[in-house]
Amino acid sequence: AITVDSTGRYCSEESSGTYFIGNDFDGRTLPVVSIIANEEDLFGFKEGLFVPGKSYADSPVGYGSNRWGKPYANYHETSDGVSSEKPVFIELFEADAGTASVSQMMGVQMHGGGTRAIPQKSLYLLSRRGEYGEKYVEGMLFPDRPELQHKRFLLRNSGNDWYGPDTGVATMLKDAVIHQLVADFDIAVMGYRPAIVYINGVYWGIHNIRDSYDKHYPATHYGIDPENVDLLTHIEDPADKTKVKIKRISGDKSADEEYEEMIDWIKVRSLSVKANYDYVAERVDITNHIDYIVAETFMANTDWPINNCDFWRANTNEVESCGRYGDTRWRWMLYDLDVAGEEGARYNMMVYLSSNKMTGAREPGFLINKLWENAEFKAAFVERYEMWLNTALRPEYTAMRIAEYAVAIEDEIETHFRRWGRNHLKSEWQDAVDEALVQFMETRHEVSWGHLSGKFNLGGTGNLTVRNNNSRGIGGHFVVNGIEIEPGTPGVVSRAEWSGTFFRNKSVRVEAIPDEGYIFAGWNKNIKVGSVVEIPVGDDPQEWVATFMREDERLGTMLYLTMAE
């Protein structure tokens, strides 16, 4: 609405609003995003972002041989020709709310690569004070996270998963759930919340609210000045698609050159030499890079690292104000795992990353393979992989988490499918979720042990159980190879008893840690050793039982023995 005078001249600012009419909106379980836009901006032949339009009509070859129709469609235009950003009014309503938690003008752009050709588009929403009046999106986009200000965010269509795996049934949550499963890793992941979207009042199906990766992500999550963020990405070398070129997305103009210089420095040196490895460790966050490789390889993502590989750094030291994330080392960002696992759940990523196509100085796996030359890095890599396999990637834990996210959209999924001309039943969708996610995770967990053991000569695996003599876990808990055996640790159900799998060619460090007011009183295996033991695993499962005793009970026992003597 807008006020006009008798001559038709505008006399006020435009005002927009969203209204829910009818019982269909009662008891909704998902948040609703309403987008109000000029129809021509989205669907007009000349400039409409959602249609092939003029760009397609004017192209010399029509759709072309590229299956995504690139670049001959309005939705593939960037900054040249058709305007790539349009103004929209956006409102976000929580599932149980009648008033909007977010209500403001924003800019919208198309998001994604080839998947822009999918009928349901992924949308990139931007706040710009100069253009739309608001510097930030003021509101909590992700209730499980504390950030209240976002510069930009996505309404994602689930990418390549939109068409589904071999079953042809989309999960509508594959990439999003993978990010949540590895959210405890020391890597950047995108937040996730499913929502129902309406465009100019028309139902547009399920979209996933996600973070966007740009210079504002480190600002939102780590407090880094966005103008102080260097963000780079891998792109295919046009001259050789097995090689990569480094492209600067934002930041210092020399950032890509400095990264390339580091790669060139590594090219002529062995990282098995400690001084050379230390040089790289001063420029690369080693723990972050390990966790990044673990996530990508466990998920069997062969659309990486030649594609979908973004990394960033603070180009000026901001440690004093931002902590370690401001220390100028390179860190990696996980994204776009929609086609992870397309080679099958048993595909060996260690072999994939070690192939000739990956190991040359300009190949995408070069840095990974060079780091594997170093014994310190290799040991840390194996130990963290082993840790995550025993915690966040345990199949019973991943199955539980996947079920939680599936339940959130199950009541909406058939309506979503019908919106896009599909007649899949909820039961068929549930089968697709089980196959593409639950069963995949279970098989990956099973085969990853062998892939790692074969790559790094780890001698296979054995099993270890630690147990508190008190069946309720009273008196103390355990730390096993750095894993806190407490219910707050992903995949840990009970502090009283826990079992894990470990590689045979290295011992397992177990610590029995008494609670306040208790002391460690001994192990069933060997009462003479202390609370910290190094345990080798082998063919026979190991079980170590610890006894914890109240301090006053210990004092009484000592007094009794003294009197008896």
Protein backbone atom coordinates (compact mmCIF):
# COMPACT_ATOMS: atom_id res chain seq x y z
CA ALA A 1 0.00 0.00 0.00
CA ILE A 2 1.05 3.60 -0.64
CA THR A 3 -0.65 6.97 -0.30
CA VAL A 4 -1.22 9.00 -3.48
CA ASP A 5 -2.82 12.38 -4.14
CA SER A 6 -5.47 13.22 -6.74
CA THR A 7 -2.86 13.48 -9.47
CA GLY A 8 -1.42 10.05 -8.70
CA ARG A 9 1.73 11.41 -7.06
CA TYR A 10 3.14 9.22 -4.28
CA CYS A 11 2.77 10.89 -0.87
CA SER A 12 4.19 8.23 1.46
CA GLU A 13 6.61 5.38 1.77
CA GLU A 14 5.41 2.01 0.58
CA SER A 15 4.02 -0.27 3.28
CA SER A 16 3.72 -4.07 3.05
CA GLY A 17 2.29 -6.78 5.28
CA THR A 18 1.36 -10.44 5.41
CA TYR A 19 -1.95 -11.86 6.70
CA PHE A 20 -2.89 -15.48 7.43
CA ILE A 21 -6.47 -16.19 6.38
CA GLY A 22 -8.21 -19.50 7.09
CA ASN A 23 -7.81 -22.56 9.28
CA ASP A 24 -4.97 -23.99 7.19
CA PHE A 25 -2.52 -21.83 9.10
CA ASP A 26 -3.63 -23.00 12.54
CA GLY A 27 -1.29 -25.40 14.29
CA ARG A 28 1.49 -25.01 11.76
CA THR A 29 4.78 -26.66 12.80
CA LEU A 30 7.27 -24.74 10.66
CA PRO A 31 8.11 -21.05 10.51
CA VAL A 32 6.73 -19.13 7.54
CA VAL A 33 8.73 -16.75 5.36
CA SER A 34 6.65 -14.33 3.29
CA ILE A 35 8.31 -12.55 0.36
CA ILE A 36 6.52 -9.64 -1.30
CA ALA A 37 8.03 -8.45 -4.59
CA ASN A 38 7.29 -6.73 -7.85
CA GLU A 39 6.05 -9.51 -10.14
CA GLU A 40 8.16 -8.20 -13.04
CA ASP A 41 11.31 -8.41 -10.93
CA LEU A 42 10.80 -12.14 -10.41
CA PHE A 43 8.79 -13.36 -13.40
CA GLY A 44 9.07 -10.66 -16.07
CA PHE A 45 10.46 -11.67 -19.46
CA LYS A 46 13.14 -8.97 -19.53
CA GLU A 47 14.45 -8.93 -15.97
CA GLY A 48 12.66 -11.67 -14.06
CA LEU A 49 15.09 -13.61 -11.88
CA PHE A 50 13.00 -16.78 -11.81
CA VAL A 51 12.63 -17.39 -15.56
CA PRO A 52 14.87 -18.19 -18.58
CA GLY A 53 13.44 -15.02 -20.12
CA LYS A 54 15.18 -12.65 -22.47
CA SER A 55 18.64 -14.04 -21.84
CA TYR A 56 17.48 -17.45 -23.08
CA ALA A 57 15.48 -16.04 -25.99
CA ASP A 58 18.43 -13.98 -27.24
CA SER A 59 21.01 -16.77 -26.91
CA PRO A 60 22.53 -18.09 -30.15
CA VAL A 61 22.19 -21.75 -29.13
CA GLY A 62 19.02 -21.83 -27.02
CA TYR A 63 19.42 -23.93 -23.92
CA GLY A 64 22.83 -25.13 -25.10
CA SER A 65 24.58 -28.40 -24.37
CA ASN A 66 25.09 -27.61 -20.69
CA ARG A 67 22.44 -29.52 -18.75
CA TRP A 68 21.91 -26.56 -16.43
CA GLY A 69 21.32 -24.14 -19.28
CA LYS A 70 24.33 -22.03 -18.34
CA PRO A 71 24.71 -19.21 -19.06
CA TYR A 72 21.60 -18.66 -21.18
CA ALA A 73 18.89 -17.79 -18.69
CA ASN A 74 17.95 -14.74 -16.65
CA TYR A 75 18.60 -16.68 -13.45
CA HIS A 76 22.20 -17.31 -14.52
CA GLU A 77 22.92 -13.61 -15.03
CA THR A 78 25.24 -12.03 -12.48
CA SER A 79 26.21 -8.37 -12.57
CA ASP A 80 26.13 -7.78 -16.31
CA GLY A 81 23.01 -7.34 -18.41
CA VAL A 82 19.95 -8.18 -16.34
CA SER A 83 20.11 -6.74 -12.83
CA SER A 84 21.07 -9.56 -10.48
CA GLU A 85 19.50 -8.08 -7.34
CA LYS A 86 15.90 -7.04 -6.75
CA PRO A 87 14.21 -5.37 -3.77
CA VAL A 88 11.78 -7.49 -1.75
CA PHE A 89 9.89 -7.16 1.51
CA ILE A 90 10.43 -10.15 3.76
CA GLU A 91 8.70 -11.29 6.94
CA LEU A 92 9.52 -14.28 9.15
CA PHE A 93 6.81 -15.74 11.39
CA GLU A 94 7.65 -18.32 14.01
CA ALA A 95 5.47 -21.41 13.93
CA ASP A 96 3.38 -20.36 16.92
CA ALA A 97 3.36 -16.59 16.29
CA GLY A 98 0.90 -14.28 14.58
CA THR A 99 3.31 -11.37 14.34
CA ALA A 100 6.60 -11.33 12.46
CA SER A 101 9.95 -11.67 14.22
CA VAL A 102 11.64 -10.23 11.11
CA SER A 103 9.94 -7.61 8.93
CA GLN A 104 12.03 -5.48 6.56
CA MET A 105 13.09 -4.65 3.03
CA MET A 106 16.01 -6.67 1.64
CA GLY A 107 17.68 -7.45 -1.65
CA VAL A 108 17.30 -10.85 -3.30
CA GLN A 109 19.68 -12.58 -5.70
CA MET A 110 19.78 -16.05 -7.18
CA HIS A 111 22.07 -18.46 -5.34
CA GLY A 112 23.92 -21.56 -6.46
CA GLY A 113 25.56 -22.77 -9.65
CA GLY A 114 23.78 -25.05 -12.06
CA THR A 115 20.96 -25.62 -9.57
CA ARG A 116 19.54 -22.20 -10.46
CA ALA A 117 17.79 -24.10 -13.27
CA ILE A 118 15.71 -26.03 -10.72
CA PRO A 119 12.12 -24.76 -10.72
CA GLN A 120 12.28 -23.95 -7.01
CA LYS A 121 15.13 -21.42 -6.69
CA SER A 122 17.61 -20.88 -3.89
CA LEU A 123 17.47 -17.26 -2.76
CA TYR A 124 20.24 -15.09 -1.35
CA LEU A 125 18.82 -12.36 0.94
CA LEU A 126 20.92 -9.26 1.65
CA SER A 127 20.44 -6.35 4.04
CA ARG A 128 21.95 -3.04 2.90
CA ARG A 129 21.39 0.12 4.90
CA GLY A 130 21.94 2.42 1.92
CA GLU A 131 19.56 0.48 -0.31
CA TYR A 132 16.87 -0.85 2.01
CA GLY A 133 17.25 1.04 5.29
CA GLU A 134 18.39 -1.83 7.53
CA LYS A 135 22.03 -2.73 8.08
CA TYR A 136 21.26 -6.16 9.57
CA VAL A 137 18.53 -8.71 9.87
CA GLU A 138 17.57 -8.08 13.47
CA GLY A 139 16.23 -11.34 14.85
CA MET A 140 17.21 -14.90 15.72
CA LEU A 141 17.27 -16.91 12.51
CA PHE A 142 18.53 -20.04 14.23
CA PRO A 143 17.04 -20.63 17.71
CA ASP A 144 19.81 -23.06 18.65
CA ARG A 145 22.47 -20.37 18.14
CA PRO A 146 23.01 -17.04 19.91
CA GLU A 147 23.57 -14.67 16.95
CA LEU A 148 20.94 -11.94 16.79
CA GLN A 149 22.35 -10.05 13.82
CA HIS A 150 22.82 -11.42 10.33
CA LYS A 151 23.92 -9.46 7.33
CA ARG A 152 22.81 -12.08 4.82
CA PHE A 153 21.21 -15.50 4.72
CA LEU A 154 19.90 -18.11 2.29
CA LEU A 155 16.56 -19.70 1.54
CA ARG A 156 17.97 -22.84 -0.03
CA ASN A 157 16.16 -25.37 -2.24
CA SER A 158 18.33 -28.32 -1.05
CA GLY A 159 20.52 -28.04 -4.17
CA ASN A 160 21.17 -31.21 -6.15
CA ASP A 161 19.19 -33.12 -3.53
CA TRP A 162 16.03 -31.45 -4.95
CA TYR A 163 15.89 -34.17 -7.61
CA GLY A 164 16.64 -36.88 -5.08
CA PRO A 165 19.07 -39.84 -5.22
CA ASP A 166 18.44 -42.96 -7.31
CA THR A 167 14.97 -43.23 -5.84
CA GLY A 168 14.07 -39.88 -7.41
CA VAL A 169 12.66 -38.69 -4.08
CA ALA A 170 14.32 -35.62 -2.56
CA THR A 171 15.12 -35.66 1.14
CA MET A 172 14.99 -31.83 1.25
CA LEU A 173 17.47 -31.88 4.13
CA LYS A 174 20.61 -33.78 3.08
CA ASP A 175 23.25 -31.02 3.06
CA ALA A 176 21.58 -29.26 5.99
CA VAL A 177 21.61 -32.36 8.21
CA ILE A 178 25.22 -33.20 7.34
CA HIS A 179 26.21 -29.75 8.60
CA GLN A 180 24.38 -30.36 11.87
CA LEU A 181 26.02 -33.77 12.34
CA VAL A 182 29.48 -32.19 12.21
CA ALA A 183 28.57 -28.97 14.03
CA ASP A 184 30.91 -29.94 16.90
CA PHE A 185 33.88 -30.15 14.52
CA ASP A 186 36.30 -27.21 14.46
CA ILE A 187 35.08 -26.02 11.06
CA ALA A 188 32.64 -23.45 9.71
CA VAL A 189 29.20 -24.93 9.10
CA MET A 190 25.95 -23.36 7.94
CA GLY A 191 23.09 -23.00 10.38
CA TYR A 192 19.85 -24.69 9.40
CA ARG A 193 16.14 -24.35 9.94
CA PRO A 194 13.40 -25.50 7.56
CA ALA A 195 10.65 -23.02 6.68
CA ILE A 196 7.59 -22.70 4.46
CA VAL A 197 7.94 -19.91 1.90
CA TYR A 198 5.22 -17.85 0.24
CA ILE A 199 5.99 -15.49 -2.65
CA ASN A 200 3.36 -12.82 -3.14
CA GLY A 201 0.96 -15.02 -1.21
CA VAL A 202 1.58 -18.13 -3.32
CA TYR A 203 2.83 -21.30 -1.59
CA TRP A 204 6.41 -21.99 -2.66
CA GLY A 205 7.21 -25.08 -0.60
CA ILE A 206 9.91 -25.98 1.89
CA HIS A 207 13.09 -23.91 1.84
CA ASN A 208 16.01 -24.29 4.23
CA ILE A 209 17.09 -21.16 6.09
CA ARG A 210 20.89 -21.31 5.99
CA ASP A 211 23.91 -19.14 6.67
CA SER A 212 25.67 -17.68 3.65
CA TYR A 213 29.42 -17.92 3.21
CA ASP A 214 30.87 -14.49 2.54
CA LYS A 215 32.99 -11.99 4.44
CA HIS A 216 30.15 -11.48 6.93
CA TYR A 217 30.17 -15.09 8.16
CA PRO A 218 33.43 -14.67 10.17
CA ALA A 219 32.06 -11.35 11.40
CA THR A 220 28.83 -12.90 12.67
CA HIS A 221 30.40 -16.02 14.16
CA TYR A 222 33.84 -14.91 15.34
CA GLY A 223 33.66 -11.13 15.57
CA ILE A 224 36.17 -10.53 12.75
CA ASP A 225 35.93 -7.19 10.95
CA PRO A 226 34.33 -8.14 7.59
CA GLU A 227 36.66 -5.74 5.78
CA ASN A 228 39.54 -7.70 7.26
CA VAL A 229 38.46 -11.10 5.85
CA ASP A 230 40.23 -12.73 2.93
CA LEU A 231 37.98 -15.35 1.32
CA LEU A 232 39.26 -17.66 -1.43
CA THR A 233 37.82 -20.56 -3.37
CA HIS A 234 38.89 -23.36 -5.72
CA ILE A 235 37.62 -23.14 -9.29
CA GLU A 236 38.29 -25.46 -12.19
CA ASP A 237 41.18 -24.44 -14.40
CA PRO A 238 39.59 -23.83 -17.82
CA ALA A 239 42.68 -25.29 -19.47
CA ASP A 240 42.60 -28.52 -17.42
CA LYS A 241 39.51 -29.56 -15.44
CA THR A 242 41.57 -31.86 -13.20
CA LYS A 243 43.42 -28.82 -11.83
CA VAL A 244 42.30 -25.85 -9.79
CA LYS A 245 42.81 -22.15 -9.80
CA ILE A 246 42.53 -20.04 -6.69
CA LYS A 247 39.97 -17.25 -6.97
CA ARG A 248 39.66 -14.38 -4.53
CA ILE A 249 36.05 -13.76 -3.50
CA SER A 250 36.78 -10.88 -1.15
CA GLY A 251 39.54 -9.32 0.90
CA ASP A 252 43.06 -8.13 0.25
CA LYS A 253 43.98 -8.05 -3.43
CA SER A 254 47.15 -10.03 -2.75
CA ALA A 255 45.47 -12.78 -0.69
CA ASP A 256 45.27 -15.31 -3.53
CA GLU A 257 48.86 -14.59 -4.50
CA GLU A 258 50.05 -15.13 -0.93
CA TYR A 259 48.24 -18.46 -0.73
CA GLU A 260 49.73 -19.52 -4.07
CA GLU A 261 53.18 -18.50 -2.78
CA MET A 262 52.69 -20.80 0.22
CA ILE A 263 51.75 -23.68 -2.13
CA ASP A 264 54.81 -22.95 -4.29
CA TRP A 265 57.00 -22.92 -1.16
CA ILE A 266 55.62 -26.33 -0.12
CA LYS A 267 56.06 -27.68 -3.65
CA VAL A 268 59.87 -27.76 -3.39
CA ARG A 269 60.10 -28.87 0.25
CA SER A 270 59.22 -31.95 2.24
CA LEU A 271 56.86 -31.45 5.14
CA SER A 272 58.37 -34.49 6.83
CA VAL A 273 60.97 -31.98 8.01
CA LYS A 274 59.73 -30.43 11.25
CA ALA A 275 60.86 -26.89 10.43
CA ASN A 276 58.97 -26.98 7.12
CA TYR A 277 55.85 -28.35 8.79
CA ASP A 278 56.04 -25.68 11.49
CA TYR A 279 56.19 -23.03 8.75
CA VAL A 280 52.91 -24.31 7.30
CA ALA A 281 51.31 -24.70 10.75
CA GLU A 282 51.92 -20.98 11.31
CA ARG A 283 49.79 -20.27 8.21
CA VAL A 284 47.17 -23.05 8.34
CA ASP A 285 44.92 -23.89 11.29
CA ILE A 286 45.88 -27.57 11.51
CA THR A 287 42.98 -28.72 13.69
CA ASN A 288 40.48 -26.96 11.45
CA HIS A 289 42.00 -28.48 8.32
CA ILE A 290 41.98 -31.98 9.84
CA ASP A 291 38.33 -31.74 10.83
CA TYR A 292 37.48 -30.37 7.38
CA ILE A 293 39.14 -33.36 5.68
CA VAL A 294 37.42 -35.77 8.10
CA ALA A 295 33.99 -34.31 7.30
CA GLU A 296 34.49 -34.33 3.52
CA THR A 297 36.00 -37.82 3.38
CA PHE A 298 33.54 -39.44 5.77
CA MET A 299 30.66 -38.04 3.71
CA ALA A 300 32.38 -39.35 0.53
CA ASN A 301 32.07 -36.00 -1.23
CA THR A 302 33.67 -36.39 -4.66
CA ASP A 303 32.31 -32.99 -5.68
CA TRP A 304 35.29 -31.76 -3.65
CA PRO A 305 38.03 -30.51 -3.40
CA ILE A 306 38.17 -29.36 -7.02
CA ASN A 307 34.77 -27.74 -6.35
CA ASN A 308 33.05 -26.44 -3.24
CA CYS A 309 36.25 -25.56 -1.41
CA ASP A 310 36.21 -22.15 0.33
CA PHE A 311 38.74 -20.96 2.89
CA TRP A 312 39.34 -17.70 4.74
CA ARG A 313 41.60 -15.83 7.11
CA ALA A 314 41.77 -12.55 8.98
CA ASN A 315 44.37 -10.54 7.04
CA THR A 316 45.29 -8.46 10.10
CA ASN A 317 45.84 -10.00 13.52
CA GLU A 318 42.69 -9.63 15.65
CA VAL A 319 43.51 -12.16 18.37
CA GLU A 320 43.25 -9.61 21.15
CA SER A 321 39.62 -8.81 20.32
CA CYS A 322 38.44 -12.03 18.63
CA GLY A 323 40.52 -14.86 20.08
CA ARG A 324 42.29 -17.49 18.00
CA TYR A 325 40.07 -17.06 14.93
CA GLY A 326 41.69 -13.69 14.40
CA ASP A 327 45.22 -15.10 14.16
CA THR A 328 45.61 -14.81 10.32
CA ARG A 329 45.78 -18.57 9.66
CA TRP A 330 43.77 -20.13 6.83
CA ARG A 331 40.57 -21.96 7.81
CA TRP A 332 38.13 -24.00 5.73
CA MET A 333 34.33 -23.84 5.35
CA LEU A 334 32.11 -26.87 4.74
CA TYR A 335 29.39 -26.51 2.11
CA ASP A 336 27.40 -28.10 -0.71
CA LEU A 337 27.37 -31.81 0.16
CA ASP A 338 24.14 -32.48 -1.73
CA VAL A 339 25.78 -35.14 -3.91
CA ALA A 340 28.05 -36.58 -1.23
CA GLY A 341 28.07 -40.35 -1.47
CA GLU A 342 27.09 -40.54 -5.12
CA GLU A 343 29.93 -43.04 -5.66
CA GLY A 344 28.44 -45.30 -3.01
CA ALA A 345 28.79 -45.62 0.75
CA ARG A 346 31.86 -47.89 0.44
CA TYR A 347 33.83 -45.54 -1.79
CA ASN A 348 37.43 -45.14 -0.54
CA MET A 349 38.20 -41.42 -0.23
CA MET A 350 41.77 -42.12 0.92
CA VAL A 351 42.47 -43.70 -2.48
CA TYR A 352 40.59 -40.88 -4.23
CA LEU A 353 42.69 -38.18 -2.53
CA SER A 354 45.93 -40.05 -3.20
CA SER A 355 45.41 -40.42 -6.94
CA ASN A 356 47.66 -38.70 -9.50
CA LYS A 357 44.85 -36.26 -10.28
CA MET A 358 45.04 -34.97 -6.71
CA THR A 359 48.72 -34.92 -5.80
CA GLY A 360 50.41 -32.51 -8.22
CA ALA A 361 51.22 -28.96 -7.13
CA ARG A 362 48.18 -27.50 -8.85
CA GLU A 363 45.82 -30.36 -8.09
CA PRO A 364 43.11 -29.89 -5.45
CA GLY A 365 44.44 -32.46 -2.96
CA PHE A 366 48.02 -31.22 -3.04
CA LEU A 367 48.10 -29.62 0.41
CA ILE A 368 46.37 -32.61 2.01
CA ASN A 369 48.89 -35.09 0.60
CA LYS A 370 51.86 -32.94 1.54
CA LEU A 371 50.61 -32.68 5.13
CA TRP A 372 50.25 -36.46 5.26
CA GLU A 373 54.03 -36.66 4.79
CA ASN A 374 54.49 -35.30 8.31
CA ALA A 375 54.38 -37.79 11.21
CA GLU A 376 52.97 -35.22 13.68
CA PHE A 377 50.13 -34.25 11.35
CA LYS A 378 49.43 -37.87 10.45
CA ALA A 379 49.16 -38.88 14.11
CA ALA A 380 46.86 -35.95 14.87
CA PHE A 381 44.76 -36.71 11.79
CA VAL A 382 44.28 -40.37 12.75
CA GLU A 383 43.50 -39.54 16.39
CA ARG A 384 40.87 -36.91 15.53
CA TYR A 385 39.30 -39.14 12.87
CA GLU A 386 39.17 -41.94 15.42
CA MET A 387 37.66 -39.54 17.99
CA TRP A 388 34.86 -38.40 15.66
CA LEU A 389 34.09 -41.98 14.57
CA ASN A 390 33.66 -42.81 18.25
CA THR A 391 31.43 -39.82 18.99
CA ALA A 392 29.55 -37.56 16.54
CA LEU A 393 29.73 -40.08 13.67
CA ARG A 394 28.54 -43.16 15.57
CA PRO A 395 25.64 -44.64 13.56
CA GLU A 396 23.22 -44.84 16.49
CA TYR A 397 23.85 -41.14 17.18
CA THR A 398 23.60 -39.99 13.56
CA ALA A 399 20.38 -42.01 13.11
CA MET A 400 18.85 -40.29 16.13
CA ARG A 401 19.84 -36.81 14.88
CA ILE A 402 18.58 -37.49 11.33
CA ALA A 403 15.24 -38.64 12.74
CA GLU A 404 14.90 -35.39 14.71
CA TYR A 405 15.33 -33.28 11.58
CA ALA A 406 13.12 -35.52 9.45
CA VAL A 407 10.26 -35.30 11.94
CA ALA A 408 10.35 -31.51 11.67
CA ILE A 409 9.30 -31.54 7.99
CA GLU A 410 7.38 -34.80 7.64
CA ASP A 411 3.93 -33.19 8.00
CA GLU A 412 4.73 -30.72 5.19
CA ILE A 413 6.61 -32.94 2.77
CA GLU A 414 3.67 -34.23 0.69
CA THR A 415 2.28 -30.70 0.28
CA HIS A 416 5.73 -29.58 -0.83
CA PHE A 417 6.01 -32.36 -3.41
CA ARG A 418 2.57 -31.63 -4.81
CA ARG A 419 3.52 -27.97 -5.21
CA TRP A 420 6.26 -29.04 -7.62
CA GLY A 421 4.21 -31.56 -9.58
CA ARG A 422 5.25 -34.70 -7.73
CA ASN A 423 3.04 -37.30 -6.08
CA HIS A 424 5.53 -38.90 -3.70
CA LEU A 425 4.05 -40.21 -0.48
CA LYS A 426 5.50 -39.48 2.94
CA SER A 427 6.42 -43.16 3.25
CA GLU A 428 8.44 -42.96 0.03
CA TRP A 429 10.19 -39.86 1.29
CA GLN A 430 10.98 -41.59 4.58
CA ASP A 431 12.53 -44.48 2.64
CA ALA A 432 14.69 -41.96 0.73
CA VAL A 433 15.85 -40.37 4.00
CA ASP A 434 16.70 -43.79 5.43
CA GLU A 435 18.65 -44.79 2.32
CA ALA A 436 20.46 -41.54 1.58
CA LEU A 437 21.26 -40.61 5.18
CA VAL A 438 20.65 -43.23 7.89
CA GLN A 439 21.91 -46.31 6.02
CA PHE A 440 24.64 -44.33 4.32
CA MET A 441 26.02 -43.09 7.66
CA GLU A 442 25.96 -46.60 9.10
CA THR A 443 27.88 -48.08 6.18
CA ARG A 444 30.37 -45.19 6.07
CA HIS A 445 31.13 -45.72 9.75
CA GLU A 446 31.73 -49.41 9.14
CA VAL A 447 34.09 -48.98 6.16
CA SER A 448 35.97 -45.87 7.31
CA TRP A 449 37.97 -47.86 9.87
CA GLY A 450 39.37 -50.10 7.15
CA HIS A 451 40.06 -47.20 4.77
CA LEU A 452 42.07 -45.39 7.44
CA SER A 453 43.88 -48.52 8.60
CA GLY A 454 44.90 -49.37 5.06
CA LYS A 455 46.05 -45.83 4.25
CA PHE A 456 48.13 -45.34 7.38
CA ASN A 457 49.09 -48.96 8.24
CA LEU A 458 47.26 -48.96 11.58
CA GLY A 459 46.96 -52.72 11.98
CA GLY A 460 43.18 -52.97 12.08
CA THR A 461 40.98 -52.26 15.08
CA GLY A 462 40.06 -53.58 18.50
CA ASN A 463 37.39 -52.73 21.06
CA LEU A 464 37.72 -51.20 24.51
CA THR A 465 35.09 -50.77 27.22
CA VAL A 466 35.50 -48.62 30.31
CA ARG A 467 33.05 -49.02 33.16
CA ASN A 468 32.44 -47.47 36.54
CA ASN A 469 32.05 -50.06 39.28
CA ASN A 470 28.96 -48.05 40.28
CA SER A 471 26.23 -48.81 37.73
CA ARG A 472 24.85 -45.26 38.00
CA GLY A 473 28.23 -43.70 37.27
CA ILE A 474 28.55 -42.16 40.72
CA GLY A 475 32.01 -41.12 41.81
CA GLY A 476 33.81 -40.35 38.58
CA HIS A 477 34.02 -40.48 34.82
CA PHE A 478 36.56 -41.30 32.09
CA VAL A 479 38.52 -39.51 29.40
CA VAL A 480 39.50 -41.90 26.59
CA ASN A 481 42.02 -40.56 24.06
CA GLY A 482 40.75 -37.07 24.82
CA ILE A 483 37.04 -38.03 24.64
CA GLU A 484 35.07 -36.91 27.70
CA ILE A 485 32.81 -39.82 28.58
CA GLU A 486 29.93 -37.65 29.68
CA PRO A 487 26.39 -37.43 28.23
CA GLY A 488 27.15 -33.94 26.92
CA THR A 489 29.65 -35.42 24.44
CA PRO A 490 28.08 -36.29 21.05
CA GLY A 491 27.36 -40.02 20.88
CA VAL A 492 27.94 -40.63 24.60
CA VAL A 493 24.82 -41.88 26.40
CA SER A 494 26.15 -42.77 29.85
CA ARG A 495 29.17 -41.89 31.97
CA ALA A 496 28.86 -45.26 33.76
CA GLU A 497 29.87 -47.43 30.77
CA TRP A 498 31.17 -46.70 27.30
CA SER A 499 32.68 -48.75 24.46
CA GLY A 500 34.79 -47.56 21.55
CA THR A 501 36.82 -48.81 18.60
CA PHE A 502 40.54 -48.04 18.33
CA PHE A 503 43.44 -48.80 16.02
CA ARG A 504 45.83 -51.51 17.12
CA ASN A 505 49.11 -49.88 16.18
CA LYS A 506 48.77 -47.27 18.91
CA SER A 507 47.75 -47.47 22.54
CA VAL A 508 44.65 -45.91 24.05
CA ARG A 509 45.12 -43.43 26.89
CA VAL A 510 42.43 -43.79 29.55
CA GLU A 511 42.05 -41.48 32.51
CA ALA A 512 39.76 -42.22 35.46
CA ILE A 513 38.76 -38.85 36.89
CA PRO A 514 37.06 -38.77 40.32
CA ASP A 515 34.26 -36.34 41.06
CA GLU A 516 34.63 -33.76 43.81
CA GLY A 517 34.63 -35.53 47.16
CA TYR A 518 35.74 -38.85 45.63
CA ILE A 519 39.07 -40.54 44.96
CA PHE A 520 40.18 -43.15 42.43
CA ALA A 521 40.55 -46.51 44.21
CA GLY A 522 41.85 -48.82 41.48
CA TRP A 523 41.22 -50.86 38.31
CA ASN A 524 39.93 -54.40 38.08
CA LYS A 525 42.73 -55.24 35.63
CA ASN A 526 45.58 -54.03 37.78
CA ILE A 527 45.05 -52.48 41.20
CA LYS A 528 48.66 -51.30 41.34
CA VAL A 529 48.56 -48.90 38.37
CA GLY A 530 47.40 -45.32 38.69
CA SER A 531 44.35 -43.55 37.35
CA VAL A 532 45.99 -43.01 33.94
CA VAL A 533 46.73 -46.08 31.81
CA GLU A 534 47.93 -46.76 28.26
CA ILE A 535 45.98 -49.71 26.89
CA PRO A 536 46.75 -51.63 23.67
CA VAL A 537 43.79 -53.19 21.88
CA GLY A 538 43.87 -56.52 20.08
CA ASP A 539 41.75 -59.49 19.06
CA ASP A 540 40.00 -59.83 22.42
CA PRO A 541 37.78 -56.96 23.60
CA GLN A 542 39.24 -55.10 26.56
CA GLU A 543 37.16 -54.11 29.60
CA TRP A 544 38.58 -51.91 32.33
CA VAL A 545 36.49 -51.26 35.42
CA ALA A 546 37.35 -48.39 37.77
CA THR A 547 36.34 -48.05 41.39
CA PHE A 548 35.79 -44.63 42.92
CA MET A 549 35.48 -44.14 46.66
CA ARG A 550 34.23 -41.29 48.80
CA GLU A 551 37.09 -39.53 50.59
CA ASP A 552 35.50 -40.09 54.02
CA GLU A 553 35.09 -43.80 53.23
CA ARG A 554 38.80 -43.99 52.37
CA LEU A 555 39.66 -42.32 55.67
CA GLY A 556 37.51 -44.86 57.56
CA THR A 557 39.17 -47.75 55.74
CA MET A 558 42.65 -46.47 56.58
CA LEU A 559 41.68 -46.02 60.23
CA TYR A 560 40.29 -49.58 60.41
CA LEU A 561 43.49 -51.03 58.92
CA THR A 562 45.67 -49.10 61.38
CA MET A 563 43.65 -50.37 64.36
CA ALA A 564 43.74 -53.94 63.02
CA GLU A 565 47.49 -53.82 62.71
